[in-house]
Protein backbone atom coordinates (compact mmCIF):
# COMPACT_ATOMS: atom_id res chain seq x y z
CA MET A 1 -3.90 -11.84 31.90
CA VAL A 2 -3.43 -15.18 30.13
CA ALA A 3 -3.68 -13.56 26.69
CA THR A 4 -1.12 -10.96 27.63
CA SER A 5 1.40 -13.47 28.87
CA ARG A 6 0.74 -15.64 25.81
CA LEU A 7 1.53 -12.66 23.51
CA GLN A 8 4.67 -11.89 25.43
CA ALA A 9 5.84 -15.46 24.87
CA LEU A 10 5.69 -15.11 21.07
CA PRO A 11 8.81 -13.93 19.28
CA ALA A 12 8.64 -10.23 18.36
CA LYS A 13 9.10 -11.02 14.64
CA CYS A 14 5.76 -12.87 14.63
CA PHE A 15 3.86 -9.63 15.00
CA ALA A 16 5.08 -8.45 11.62
CA ARG A 17 3.60 -11.44 9.79
CA PRO A 18 0.04 -12.71 9.80
CA TYR A 19 -0.67 -16.32 10.79
CA CYS A 20 2.55 -16.71 12.73
CA ARG A 21 2.55 -19.48 15.31
CA PRO A 22 5.15 -20.28 17.97
CA ASN A 23 7.77 -22.77 16.82
CA HIS A 24 6.57 -22.40 13.23
CA VAL A 25 8.85 -20.92 10.59
CA GLN A 26 6.81 -19.13 7.97
CA THR A 27 8.38 -18.25 4.66
CA VAL A 28 6.67 -15.71 2.50
CA PRO A 29 7.30 -16.29 -1.18
CA VAL A 30 8.81 -13.28 -2.91
CA PRO A 31 7.15 -12.72 -6.29
CA PRO A 32 9.47 -12.41 -9.27
CA HIS A 33 10.19 -8.87 -10.42
CA ASP A 34 7.42 -8.43 -12.99
CA VAL A 35 7.63 -4.60 -12.93
CA PHE A 36 10.80 -2.54 -13.23
CA ILE A 37 10.58 1.04 -11.91
CA SER A 38 13.10 3.41 -13.47
CA HIS A 39 13.38 6.69 -11.62
CA ARG A 40 15.87 9.35 -10.52
CA GLY A 41 16.26 8.64 -6.81
CA PRO A 42 16.75 12.16 -5.42
CA ASP A 43 13.61 13.35 -7.27
CA THR A 44 11.21 10.47 -6.69
CA ARG A 45 12.47 7.87 -4.20
CA ARG A 46 10.54 9.25 -1.21
CA ASN A 47 7.38 10.05 -3.08
CA ILE A 48 5.98 8.77 -6.38
CA ALA A 49 8.42 5.92 -7.13
CA GLY A 50 8.56 4.62 -3.56
CA LEU A 51 4.80 4.87 -3.08
CA LEU A 52 4.12 3.15 -6.40
CA HIS A 53 6.52 0.34 -5.44
CA ASP A 54 4.72 -0.17 -2.13
CA HIS A 55 1.30 0.00 -3.77
CA LEU A 56 2.19 -2.66 -6.33
CA LEU A 57 3.74 -4.86 -3.64
CA MET A 58 0.52 -4.65 -1.59
CA ARG A 59 -1.38 -5.78 -4.70
CA GLY A 60 0.78 -8.92 -4.91
CA HIS A 61 3.16 -7.85 -7.66
CA GLY A 62 6.94 -7.94 -7.65
CA PRO A 63 8.23 -4.47 -8.44
CA PHE A 64 11.96 -3.86 -8.73
CA ILE A 65 13.26 -0.54 -7.55
CA ASP A 66 16.96 -0.03 -7.02
CA TYR A 67 17.11 1.23 -3.46
CA ARG A 68 14.87 -1.57 -2.14
CA ASN A 69 16.21 -4.48 -4.17
CA LEU A 70 19.95 -3.87 -4.39
CA LYS A 71 22.16 -5.02 -1.51
CA ALA A 72 25.69 -4.17 -0.48
CA GLY A 73 28.10 -6.01 -2.75
CA ASP A 74 25.70 -6.31 -5.70
CA LYS A 75 27.11 -5.41 -9.09
CA LEU A 76 24.94 -2.47 -10.05
CA THR A 77 24.68 -2.77 -13.82
CA GLU A 78 24.51 -6.57 -13.70
CA LYS A 79 21.54 -6.55 -11.28
CA ILE A 80 19.73 -3.76 -13.11
CA ASP A 81 20.29 -5.30 -16.53
CA THR A 82 18.90 -8.66 -15.26
CA ALA A 83 15.89 -7.01 -13.62
CA VAL A 84 15.07 -5.12 -16.84
CA ARG A 85 15.54 -8.20 -18.99
CA ASP A 86 13.31 -10.33 -16.73
CA CYS A 87 10.49 -7.84 -16.11
CA LYS A 88 7.20 -7.81 -18.02
CA VAL A 89 6.47 -4.10 -17.70
CA GLY A 90 8.73 -1.10 -17.27
CA VAL A 91 7.50 2.01 -15.48
CA VAL A 92 9.58 5.07 -16.25
CA VAL A 93 9.05 7.90 -13.81
CA PHE A 94 10.28 10.95 -15.70
CA SER A 95 11.10 13.87 -13.45
CA PRO A 96 12.65 17.22 -14.34
CA ARG A 97 16.23 15.91 -13.83
CA TYR A 98 15.73 12.30 -15.02
CA CYS A 99 17.76 12.84 -18.19
CA GLU A 100 20.82 14.00 -16.21
CA SER A 101 21.37 10.48 -14.88
CA PHE A 102 23.42 7.96 -16.86
CA TYR A 103 21.80 5.09 -15.00
CA CYS A 104 18.23 6.31 -15.66
CA LEU A 105 18.96 6.67 -19.38
CA HIS A 106 20.69 3.28 -19.43
CA GLU A 107 17.59 1.65 -17.87
CA LEU A 108 15.31 3.40 -20.35
CA ALA A 109 17.46 2.30 -23.30
CA LEU A 110 17.44 -1.30 -22.05
CA LEU A 111 13.65 -1.28 -21.68
CA MET A 112 13.36 -0.15 -25.28
CA LYS A 113 16.07 -2.58 -26.51
CA TYR A 114 14.23 -5.53 -24.92
CA LYS A 115 10.91 -4.22 -26.31
CA LYS A 116 9.24 -4.21 -22.90
CA ARG A 117 5.81 -2.75 -22.36
CA VAL A 118 6.57 0.69 -20.99
CA ILE A 119 4.34 3.04 -19.04
CA PRO A 120 5.82 6.53 -18.88
CA ILE A 121 4.87 8.66 -15.89
CA PHE A 122 5.58 12.36 -16.32
CA TYR A 123 6.06 13.61 -12.78
CA ASN A 124 6.21 17.41 -12.58
CA VAL A 125 7.49 17.52 -16.15
CA LYS A 126 6.06 17.61 -19.67
CA PRO A 127 7.35 15.24 -22.36
CA SER A 128 8.52 18.21 -24.45
CA GLN A 129 10.82 19.32 -21.59
CA LEU A 130 12.81 16.05 -21.63
CA ARG A 131 16.09 16.06 -23.53
CA VAL A 132 19.33 14.13 -23.40
CA GLY A 133 22.14 16.64 -23.07
CA ASP A 134 25.86 16.68 -22.56
CA ASP A 135 25.34 16.97 -18.79
CA VAL A 136 24.62 13.24 -18.24
CA SER A 137 26.28 12.33 -14.95
CA ASN A 138 26.54 9.57 -12.32
CA GLY A 139 28.16 7.10 -14.67
CA PRO A 140 31.11 6.41 -16.88
CA CYS A 141 32.15 8.82 -19.61
CA VAL A 142 29.33 8.89 -22.11
CA SER A 143 30.26 8.52 -25.76
CA GLU A 144 28.43 10.14 -28.66
CA LYS A 145 27.07 6.69 -29.56
CA GLU A 146 25.62 6.28 -26.05
CA LEU A 147 24.05 9.74 -26.19
CA GLU A 148 22.41 8.82 -29.50
CA ARG A 149 21.15 5.53 -28.04
CA PHE A 150 19.72 7.38 -25.04
CA SER A 151 18.11 10.03 -27.28
CA ARG A 152 16.42 7.40 -29.44
CA ALA A 153 15.07 5.59 -26.38
CA LEU A 154 13.81 8.86 -24.90
CA GLU A 155 12.03 9.86 -28.12
CA GLU A 156 10.45 6.41 -28.35
CA ALA A 157 9.23 6.64 -24.73
CA LYS A 158 7.83 10.14 -25.26
CA ASN A 159 5.64 8.70 -28.05
CA ILE A 160 3.99 6.18 -25.71
CA VAL A 161 0.76 7.25 -24.06
CA GLY A 162 1.61 7.76 -20.42
CA LEU A 163 0.35 9.27 -17.22
CA SER A 164 1.02 12.76 -15.90
CA PHE A 165 1.12 13.91 -12.33
CA ASP A 166 1.64 17.41 -10.98
CA SER A 167 2.40 17.07 -7.27
CA SER A 168 1.24 20.60 -6.54
CA ARG A 169 -2.29 19.92 -7.82
CA GLY A 170 -2.80 16.16 -7.99
CA TYR A 171 -4.26 13.72 -5.50
CA TRP A 172 -1.74 11.04 -4.58
CA SER A 173 -4.21 8.27 -3.72
CA GLU A 174 -6.16 8.69 -6.97
CA PHE A 175 -2.98 8.78 -9.02
CA LEU A 176 -1.47 5.71 -7.34
CA LYS A 177 -4.66 3.75 -7.97
CA SER A 178 -4.87 4.77 -11.64
CA ALA A 179 -1.14 4.11 -12.20
CA SER A 180 -1.35 0.70 -10.50
CA ASP A 181 -4.44 -0.17 -12.53
CA ALA A 182 -2.62 0.76 -15.77
CA ILE A 183 0.39 -1.34 -14.79
CA VAL A 184 -1.76 -4.35 -13.81
CA GLU A 185 -3.62 -4.05 -17.16
CA GLN A 186 -0.29 -4.10 -19.04
CA LEU A 187 0.88 -7.07 -17.01
CA GLY A 188 -2.26 -8.91 -18.07
CA GLN A 189 -1.59 -8.12 -21.72
CA SER A 190 2.03 -9.26 -21.52
CA SER A 191 1.15 -12.76 -20.28
């Protein structure tokens, strides 16, 4: 009975954090964003990109992924550009419709411009299926010059040894472990 009443006396937020004591404010340091995850949200947010983000976070790394790190009022391109510039490794999760997104292609081009270590993940798509077309959406009008910049970045990324995952045949846990291991190895080499 004493233990139960003692637990009830603790603030509810203490149960979410280990080592929480009454009347003790615990701050958990947030690691810098050492990994930038570029992905097309509707294709990968609730599966491969989100799971990879969580897996890296549990391993003590600071992954940046738009829907978890951007807040209301943030300037989208400013925050993304800063996160790309400051990261050590970029993970590009290519999905069948990745190249239709202006923002995805912009992130990819920035990763290449800043000469970041990039790990391509081909999720339900083969490198040969990826092309920058005239149907780039979700952003401002795209000039010919931008399309050329995006195409160069895409071709460069397709020539980097990456990882492939077919969600209809692959094992998620094995893939997440091997992808995380590859990212951690690249982080070690970038230091």
